[in-house]
């Protein structure tokens, strides 16, 4: 009696290397804590490699250099993505040079104005757009219930509202031709929406009903149709 054939195709799919997102950051700990917690909570089929700043080397050109170094020494697949995460206002005209360099190298750029804390404070049920880092940190203190610390904040207390943060950041990103936000805003949502992959129906409801237009629209259609419209809106 012949032995049954083994299905090697399934096993090969299981051991196939996961898509890699390489994220070089201006900060030393804040961004790394966030993205590692995000990956653990929402997706197991991707890999996130965060390259944080060390020894104060946080200038945009140094952050780009970090990405280049990783790219040169590692074997990347076509579907892998390299992202540059920096804050906006302090770098002034240098941001235009950085945006051009990222485009040339095919890196993705996600700038926050005034800082990455702007993205963090969007994780709530009301849209707030503080203009200064101090105001962002005040929002985070309110959300976290204690003083915000860059190196030791409770990421998991914010993540339940990540879909709200995506929608709010998308709402603020009106001019899609801007390589980075000229006014308070953040393009980090472009990366995060890729990382979390799918959005839970119940969370979609929670986000939509908080906005008058979407709340009225949701009363007229099914959640399936609302999901389609919502995803289409985010992808514009």
C-alpha atoms as a PDB file:
ATOM      1  CA  UNK A   1       0.000   0.000   0.000  1.00  0.00           C
ATOM      2  CA  UNK A   2       1.502   3.312  -1.049  1.00  0.00           C
ATOM      3  CA  UNK A   3       2.050   6.035   1.495  1.00  0.00           C
ATOM      4  CA  UNK A   4      -0.157   9.138   1.254  1.00  0.00           C
ATOM      5  CA  UNK A   5       1.582  12.110  -0.284  1.00  0.00           C
ATOM      6  CA  UNK A   6       2.644  14.806   2.150  1.00  0.00           C
ATOM      7  CA  UNK A   7       1.455  18.334   1.527  1.00  0.00           C
ATOM      8  CA  UNK A   8       4.677  20.313   1.433  1.00  0.00           C
ATOM      9  CA  UNK A   9       2.995  23.386  -0.080  1.00  0.00           C
ATOM     10  CA  UNK A  10       1.188  24.186   3.178  1.00  0.00           C
ATOM     11  CA  UNK A  11       4.363  23.816   5.196  1.00  0.00           C
ATOM     12  CA  UNK A  12       6.286  26.031   2.791  1.00  0.00           C
ATOM     13  CA  UNK A  13       3.651  28.718   3.131  1.00  0.00           C
ATOM     14  CA  UNK A  14       3.887  28.498   6.917  1.00  0.00           C
ATOM     15  CA  UNK A  15       7.671  28.928   6.987  1.00  0.00           C
ATOM     16  CA  UNK A  16       7.730  31.649   4.331  1.00  0.00           C
ATOM     17  CA  UNK A  17       9.304  34.771   5.772  1.00  0.00           C
ATOM     18  CA  UNK A  18       6.871  37.397   6.967  1.00  0.00           C
ATOM     19  CA  UNK A  19       6.606  40.846   5.407  1.00  0.00           C
ATOM     20  CA  UNK A  20       9.110  43.149   7.075  1.00  0.00           C
ATOM     21  CA  UNK A  21       8.481  46.769   8.058  1.00  0.00           C
ATOM     22  CA  UNK A  22      11.702  48.566   8.953  1.00  0.00           C
ATOM     23  CA  UNK A  23      11.017  51.788  10.877  1.00  0.00           C
ATOM     24  CA  UNK A  24      13.821  54.254  11.594  1.00  0.00           C
ATOM     25  CA  UNK A  25      12.742  56.775  14.227  1.00  0.00           C
ATOM     26  CA  UNK A  26      13.859  60.140  15.534  1.00  0.00           C
ATOM     27  CA  UNK A  27      13.048  59.094  19.089  1.00  0.00           C
ATOM     28  CA  UNK A  28      14.976  56.683  21.276  1.00  0.00           C
ATOM     29  CA  UNK A  29      12.199  54.741  23.027  1.00  0.00           C
ATOM     30  CA  UNK A  30       8.725  56.214  22.466  1.00  0.00           C
ATOM     31  CA  UNK A  31       8.134  54.967  18.913  1.00  0.00           C
ATOM     32  CA  UNK A  32       9.788  51.591  19.525  1.00  0.00           C
ATOM     33  CA  UNK A  33       7.512  50.909  22.489  1.00  0.00           C
ATOM     34  CA  UNK A  34       4.447  51.842  20.461  1.00  0.00           C
ATOM     35  CA  UNK A  35       5.127  49.731  17.372  1.00  0.00           C
ATOM     36  CA  UNK A  36       6.245  46.656  19.258  1.00  0.00           C
ATOM     37  CA  UNK A  37       3.062  46.762  21.340  1.00  0.00           C
ATOM     38  CA  UNK A  38       0.972  47.368  18.216  1.00  0.00           C
ATOM     39  CA  UNK A  39       2.425  44.359  16.452  1.00  0.00           C
ATOM     40  CA  UNK A  40       1.901  42.119  19.465  1.00  0.00           C
ATOM     41  CA  UNK A  41      -1.703  43.221  19.863  1.00  0.00           C
ATOM     42  CA  UNK A  42      -2.952  43.244  16.266  1.00  0.00           C
ATOM     43  CA  UNK A  43      -0.842  41.224  13.847  1.00  0.00           C
ATOM     44  CA  UNK A  44       1.276  38.098  13.992  1.00  0.00           C
ATOM     45  CA  UNK A  45       1.889  37.723  10.259  1.00  0.00           C
ATOM     46  CA  UNK A  46       4.235  40.678   9.881  1.00  0.00           C
ATOM     47  CA  UNK A  47       7.616  41.602  11.262  1.00  0.00           C
ATOM     48  CA  UNK A  48       8.410  45.047  12.588  1.00  0.00           C
ATOM     49  CA  UNK A  49      12.002  46.133  13.044  1.00  0.00           C
ATOM     50  CA  UNK A  50      12.379  49.500  14.779  1.00  0.00           C
ATOM     51  CA  UNK A  51      15.701  51.333  14.453  1.00  0.00           C
ATOM     52  CA  UNK A  52      15.650  53.923  17.260  1.00  0.00           C
ATOM     53  CA  UNK A  53      17.998  56.843  17.725  1.00  0.00           C
ATOM     54  CA  UNK A  54      21.080  56.153  19.817  1.00  0.00           C
ATOM     55  CA  UNK A  55      23.580  58.557  21.342  1.00  0.00           C
ATOM     56  CA  UNK A  56      21.486  61.564  20.318  1.00  0.00           C
ATOM     57  CA  UNK A  57      21.857  60.986  16.559  1.00  0.00           C
ATOM     58  CA  UNK A  58      18.314  62.096  15.757  1.00  0.00           C
ATOM     59  CA  UNK A  59      18.756  64.565  12.870  1.00  0.00           C
ATOM     60  CA  UNK A  60      16.794  63.477   9.755  1.00  0.00           C
ATOM     61  CA  UNK A  61      19.921  62.743   7.716  1.00  0.00           C
ATOM     62  CA  UNK A  62      21.166  60.497  10.520  1.00  0.00           C
ATOM     63  CA  UNK A  63      17.852  58.671  10.667  1.00  0.00           C
ATOM     64  CA  UNK A  64      17.994  58.102   6.899  1.00  0.00           C
ATOM     65  CA  UNK A  65      21.580  56.882   7.231  1.00  0.00           C
ATOM     66  CA  UNK A  66      20.337  54.303   9.739  1.00  0.00           C
ATOM     67  CA  UNK A  67      17.805  53.012   7.210  1.00  0.00           C
ATOM     68  CA  UNK A  68      20.415  52.856   4.456  1.00  0.00           C
ATOM     69  CA  UNK A  69      22.753  50.903   6.696  1.00  0.00           C
ATOM     70  CA  UNK A  70      20.063  48.341   7.486  1.00  0.00           C
ATOM     71  CA  UNK A  71      19.105  48.039   3.823  1.00  0.00           C
ATOM     72  CA  UNK A  72      22.715  47.481   2.752  1.00  0.00           C
ATOM     73  CA  UNK A  73      23.436  44.735   5.250  1.00  0.00           C
ATOM     74  CA  UNK A  74      20.124  42.856   5.121  1.00  0.00           C
ATOM     75  CA  UNK A  75      18.460  40.887   2.351  1.00  0.00           C
ATOM     76  CA  UNK A  76      15.074  42.511   1.764  1.00  0.00           C
ATOM     77  CA  UNK A  77      12.189  41.260  -0.338  1.00  0.00           C
ATOM     78  CA  UNK A  78      10.264  43.457  -2.820  1.00  0.00           C
ATOM     79  CA  UNK A  79       7.247  43.599  -0.514  1.00  0.00           C
ATOM     80  CA  UNK A  80       9.281  44.776   2.489  1.00  0.00           C
ATOM     81  CA  UNK A  81       8.926  48.454   3.376  1.00  0.00           C
ATOM     82  CA  UNK A  82      11.329  50.972   4.866  1.00  0.00           C
ATOM     83  CA  UNK A  83       9.831  53.876   6.819  1.00  0.00           C
ATOM     84  CA  UNK A  84      11.282  57.097   8.182  1.00  0.00           C
ATOM     85  CA  UNK A  85       9.476  58.574  11.217  1.00  0.00           C
ATOM     86  CA  UNK A  86      10.481  62.069  12.278  1.00  0.00           C
ATOM     87  CA  UNK A  87       8.995  65.195  13.850  1.00  0.00           C
ATOM     88  CA  UNK A  88       8.381  68.219  11.701  1.00  0.00           C
ATOM     89  CA  UNK A  89       8.710  71.826  12.836  1.00  0.00           C
ATOM     90  CA  UNK A  90      12.214  71.781  14.292  1.00  0.00           C
ATOM     91  CA  UNK A  91      13.828  70.725  11.014  1.00  0.00           C
ATOM     92  CA  UNK A  92      12.358  73.508   8.853  1.00  0.00           C
ATOM     93  CA  UNK A  93      13.448  73.592   5.206  1.00  0.00           C
ATOM     94  CA  UNK A  94      15.520  70.444   5.708  1.00  0.00           C
ATOM     95  CA  UNK A  95      12.260  68.480   5.537  1.00  0.00           C
ATOM     96  CA  UNK A  96      11.923  69.203   1.823  1.00  0.00           C
ATOM     97  CA  UNK A  97      15.351  67.684   1.217  1.00  0.00           C
ATOM     98  CA  UNK A  98      14.455  64.665   3.323  1.00  0.00           C
ATOM     99  CA  UNK A  99      11.162  64.163   1.463  1.00  0.00           C
ATOM    100  CA  UNK A 100      12.991  64.271  -1.887  1.00  0.00           C
ATOM    101  CA  UNK A 101      15.635  61.843  -0.664  1.00  0.00           C
ATOM    102  CA  UNK A 102      12.998  59.414   0.603  1.00  0.00           C
ATOM    103  CA  UNK A 103      11.237  59.540  -2.747  1.00  0.00           C
ATOM    104  CA  UNK A 104      14.517  58.859  -4.567  1.00  0.00           C
ATOM    105  CA  UNK A 105      15.346  55.912  -2.327  1.00  0.00           C
ATOM    106  CA  UNK A 106      11.755  54.636  -2.322  1.00  0.00           C
ATOM    107  CA  UNK A 107      11.460  55.004   1.417  1.00  0.00           C
ATOM    108  CA  UNK A 108       8.159  55.880   3.055  1.00  0.00           C
ATOM    109  CA  UNK A 109       8.045  59.093   5.087  1.00  0.00           C
ATOM    110  CA  UNK A 110       5.757  59.729   8.076  1.00  0.00           C
ATOM    111  CA  UNK A 111       6.221  63.126   9.705  1.00  0.00           C
ATOM    112  CA  UNK A 112       4.345  64.314  12.795  1.00  0.00           C
ATOM    113  CA  UNK A 113       3.696  67.979  13.550  1.00  0.00           C
ATOM    114  CA  UNK A 114       4.632  68.958  16.210  1.00  0.00           C
ATOM    115  CA  UNK A 115       5.844  65.509  17.383  1.00  0.00           C
ATOM    116  CA  UNK A 116       5.080  61.788  17.582  1.00  0.00           C
ATOM    117  CA  UNK A 117       3.063  62.591  20.719  1.00  0.00           C
ATOM    118  CA  UNK A 118       0.490  64.180  18.414  1.00  0.00           C
ATOM    119  CA  UNK A 119      -0.187  60.716  16.985  1.00  0.00           C
ATOM    120  CA  UNK A 120      -0.386  59.190  20.456  1.00  0.00           C
ATOM    121  CA  UNK A 121      -2.917  61.710  21.738  1.00  0.00           C
ATOM    122  CA  UNK A 122      -5.234  60.964  18.802  1.00  0.00           C
ATOM    123  CA  UNK A 123      -6.028  57.658  20.536  1.00  0.00           C
ATOM    124  CA  UNK A 124      -9.246  58.904  22.122  1.00  0.00           C
ATOM    125  CA  UNK A 125     -12.930  59.359  21.364  1.00  0.00           C
ATOM    126  CA  UNK A 126     -12.716  63.082  20.536  1.00  0.00           C
ATOM    127  CA  UNK A 127     -10.601  64.697  17.841  1.00  0.00           C
ATOM    128  CA  UNK A 128      -8.018  67.028  19.343  1.00  0.00           C
ATOM    129  CA  UNK A 129      -5.333  68.875  17.369  1.00  0.00           C
ATOM    130  CA  UNK A 130      -2.942  70.491  19.853  1.00  0.00           C
ATOM    131  CA  UNK A 131      -0.374  72.770  18.240  1.00  0.00           C
ATOM    132  CA  UNK A 132       2.511  72.298  20.669  1.00  0.00           C
ATOM    133  CA  UNK A 133       4.374  69.378  22.230  1.00  0.00           C
ATOM    134  CA  UNK A 134       3.393  70.615  25.685  1.00  0.00           C
ATOM    135  CA  UNK A 135      -0.294  70.523  24.742  1.00  0.00           C
ATOM    136  CA  UNK A 136       0.104  67.022  23.283  1.00  0.00           C
ATOM    137  CA  UNK A 137       1.667  65.812  26.513  1.00  0.00           C
ATOM    138  CA  UNK A 138      -1.163  67.405  28.504  1.00  0.00           C
ATOM    139  CA  UNK A 139      -3.648  65.397  26.428  1.00  0.00           C
ATOM    140  CA  UNK A 140      -1.646  62.234  27.078  1.00  0.00           C
ATOM    141  CA  UNK A 141      -1.608  62.914  30.808  1.00  0.00           C
ATOM    142  CA  UNK A 142      -5.395  63.105  30.697  1.00  0.00           C
ATOM    143  CA  UNK A 143      -5.681  59.881  28.671  1.00  0.00           C
ATOM    144  CA  UNK A 144      -3.162  57.890  30.681  1.00  0.00           C
ATOM    145  CA  UNK A 145      -4.232  59.190  34.074  1.00  0.00           C
ATOM    146  CA  UNK A 146      -0.642  59.990  35.074  1.00  0.00           C
ATOM    147  CA  UNK A 147       2.153  62.233  33.877  1.00  0.00           C
ATOM    148  CA  UNK A 148       3.322  61.193  30.409  1.00  0.00           C
ATOM    149  CA  UNK A 149       6.869  59.851  30.232  1.00  0.00           C
ATOM    150  CA  UNK A 150       8.477  59.196  26.838  1.00  0.00           C
ATOM    151  CA  UNK A 151      10.287  56.067  27.990  1.00  0.00           C
ATOM    152  CA  UNK A 152       7.700  54.443  30.246  1.00  0.00           C
ATOM    153  CA  UNK A 153       4.147  55.227  29.149  1.00  0.00           C
ATOM    154  CA  UNK A 154       1.357  52.621  29.019  1.00  0.00           C
ATOM    155  CA  UNK A 155       0.930  51.947  25.297  1.00  0.00           C
ATOM    156  CA  UNK A 156      -1.789  49.352  25.858  1.00  0.00           C
ATOM    157  CA  UNK A 157      -4.023  51.980  27.424  1.00  0.00           C
ATOM    158  CA  UNK A 158      -4.015  53.860  24.103  1.00  0.00           C
ATOM    159  CA  UNK A 159      -4.237  51.015  21.576  1.00  0.00           C
ATOM    160  CA  UNK A 160      -7.972  50.254  21.989  1.00  0.00           C
ATOM    161  CA  UNK A 161      -8.557  53.605  20.230  1.00  0.00           C
ATOM    162  CA  UNK A 162      -6.090  53.060  17.372  1.00  0.00           C
ATOM    163  CA  UNK A 163      -8.882  53.039  14.768  1.00  0.00           C
ATOM    164  CA  UNK A 164     -10.116  56.393  16.009  1.00  0.00           C
ATOM    165  CA  UNK A 165      -6.564  57.713  15.716  1.00  0.00           C
ATOM    166  CA  UNK A 166      -6.354  56.527  12.105  1.00  0.00           C
ATOM    167  CA  UNK A 167      -9.625  58.202  11.187  1.00  0.00           C
ATOM    168  CA  UNK A 168      -8.773  61.470  12.942  1.00  0.00           C
ATOM    169  CA  UNK A 169      -5.316  61.650  11.320  1.00  0.00           C
ATOM    170  CA  UNK A 170      -6.892  60.899   7.962  1.00  0.00           C
ATOM    171  CA  UNK A 171      -9.436  63.681   8.517  1.00  0.00           C
ATOM    172  CA  UNK A 172      -6.638  66.172   9.230  1.00  0.00           C
ATOM    173  CA  UNK A 173      -4.695  65.056   6.142  1.00  0.00           C
ATOM    174  CA  UNK A 174      -6.729  67.041   3.631  1.00  0.00           C
ATOM    175  CA  UNK A 175      -4.030  67.916   1.091  1.00  0.00           C
ATOM    176  CA  UNK A 176      -2.633  64.606  -0.164  1.00  0.00           C
ATOM    177  CA  UNK A 177       0.044  66.372  -2.208  1.00  0.00           C
ATOM    178  CA  UNK A 178       1.807  67.544   0.961  1.00  0.00           C
ATOM    179  CA  UNK A 179       4.845  65.324   1.694  1.00  0.00           C
ATOM    180  CA  UNK A 180       4.449  66.143   5.390  1.00  0.00           C
ATOM    181  CA  UNK A 181       1.888  68.021   7.533  1.00  0.00           C
ATOM    182  CA  UNK A 182       2.402  71.801   7.391  1.00  0.00           C
ATOM    183  CA  UNK A 183      -0.049  72.313  10.279  1.00  0.00           C
ATOM    184  CA  UNK A 184      -0.748  70.124  13.334  1.00  0.00           C
ATOM    185  CA  UNK A 185      -1.192  66.580  12.073  1.00  0.00           C
ATOM    186  CA  UNK A 186       0.586  63.309  11.455  1.00  0.00           C
ATOM    187  CA  UNK A 187       1.126  60.866   8.600  1.00  0.00           C
ATOM    188  CA  UNK A 188       1.927  57.987  10.963  1.00  0.00           C
ATOM    189  CA  UNK A 189      -1.575  56.685  10.280  1.00  0.00           C
ATOM    190  CA  UNK A 190      -0.430  55.616   6.802  1.00  0.00           C
ATOM    191  CA  UNK A 191       1.964  53.124   8.379  1.00  0.00           C
ATOM    192  CA  UNK A 192      -0.284  52.033  11.230  1.00  0.00           C
ATOM    193  CA  UNK A 193      -3.251  51.324   8.934  1.00  0.00           C
ATOM    194  CA  UNK A 194      -0.994  48.906   7.033  1.00  0.00           C
ATOM    195  CA  UNK A 195       0.283  47.234  10.173  1.00  0.00           C
ATOM    196  CA  UNK A 196      -3.057  46.497  11.779  1.00  0.00           C
ATOM    197  CA  UNK A 197      -4.358  45.146   8.476  1.00  0.00           C
ATOM    198  CA  UNK A 198      -8.060  44.824   9.142  1.00  0.00           C
ATOM    199  CA  UNK A 199     -10.411  46.939  11.207  1.00  0.00           C
ATOM    200  CA  UNK A 200     -12.969  45.368  13.517  1.00  0.00           C
ATOM    201  CA  UNK A 201     -16.631  46.035  12.655  1.00  0.00           C
ATOM    202  CA  UNK A 202     -17.509  47.079  16.197  1.00  0.00           C
ATOM    203  CA  UNK A 203     -14.661  49.575  16.247  1.00  0.00           C
ATOM    204  CA  UNK A 204     -15.811  50.959  12.910  1.00  0.00           C
ATOM    205  CA  UNK A 205     -19.234  51.543  14.468  1.00  0.00           C
ATOM    206  CA  UNK A 206     -17.692  53.260  17.483  1.00  0.00           C
ATOM    207  CA  UNK A 207     -15.697  55.600  15.277  1.00  0.00           C
ATOM    208  CA  UNK A 208     -18.435  56.339  12.760  1.00  0.00           C
ATOM    209  CA  UNK A 209     -21.184  57.128  15.247  1.00  0.00           C
ATOM    210  CA  UNK A 210     -18.961  59.774  16.844  1.00  0.00           C
ATOM    211  CA  UNK A 211     -19.037  61.832  13.624  1.00  0.00           C
ATOM    212  CA  UNK A 212     -22.394  63.371  12.576  1.00  0.00           C
ATOM    213  CA  UNK A 213     -22.099  62.625   8.837  1.00  0.00           C
ATOM    214  CA  UNK A 214     -21.073  59.010   9.337  1.00  0.00           C
ATOM    215  CA  UNK A 215     -23.615  58.505  12.144  1.00  0.00           C
ATOM    216  CA  UNK A 216     -26.468  59.523   9.828  1.00  0.00           C
ATOM    217  CA  UNK A 217     -25.019  57.428   7.003  1.00  0.00           C
ATOM    218  CA  UNK A 218     -24.678  54.347   9.228  1.00  0.00           C
ATOM    219  CA  UNK A 219     -28.394  54.448  10.090  1.00  0.00           C
ATOM    220  CA  UNK A 220     -29.253  53.994   6.409  1.00  0.00           C
ATOM    221  CA  UNK A 221     -26.935  51.124   5.452  1.00  0.00           C
ATOM    222  CA  UNK A 222     -25.564  47.827   6.754  1.00  0.00           C
ATOM    223  CA  UNK A 223     -22.288  47.542   8.632  1.00  0.00           C
ATOM    224  CA  UNK A 224     -20.901  45.621   5.629  1.00  0.00           C
ATOM    225  CA  UNK A 225     -21.570  48.618   3.387  1.00  0.00           C
ATOM    226  CA  UNK A 226     -20.256  50.976   6.046  1.00  0.00           C
ATOM    227  CA  UNK A 227     -17.040  48.934   6.290  1.00  0.00           C
ATOM    228  CA  UNK A 228     -16.558  49.173   2.516  1.00  0.00           C
ATOM    229  CA  UNK A 229     -17.174  52.937   2.498  1.00  0.00           C
ATOM    230  CA  UNK A 230     -14.919  53.468   5.508  1.00  0.00           C
ATOM    231  CA  UNK A 231     -11.992  51.486   4.059  1.00  0.00           C
ATOM    232  CA  UNK A 232     -12.431  53.251   0.736  1.00  0.00           C
ATOM    233  CA  UNK A 233     -12.340  56.597   2.557  1.00  0.00           C
ATOM    234  CA  UNK A 234      -9.103  55.677   4.361  1.00  0.00           C
ATOM    235  CA  UNK A 235      -7.452  54.628   1.111  1.00  0.00           C
ATOM    236  CA  UNK A 236      -8.131  57.909  -0.710  1.00  0.00           C
END
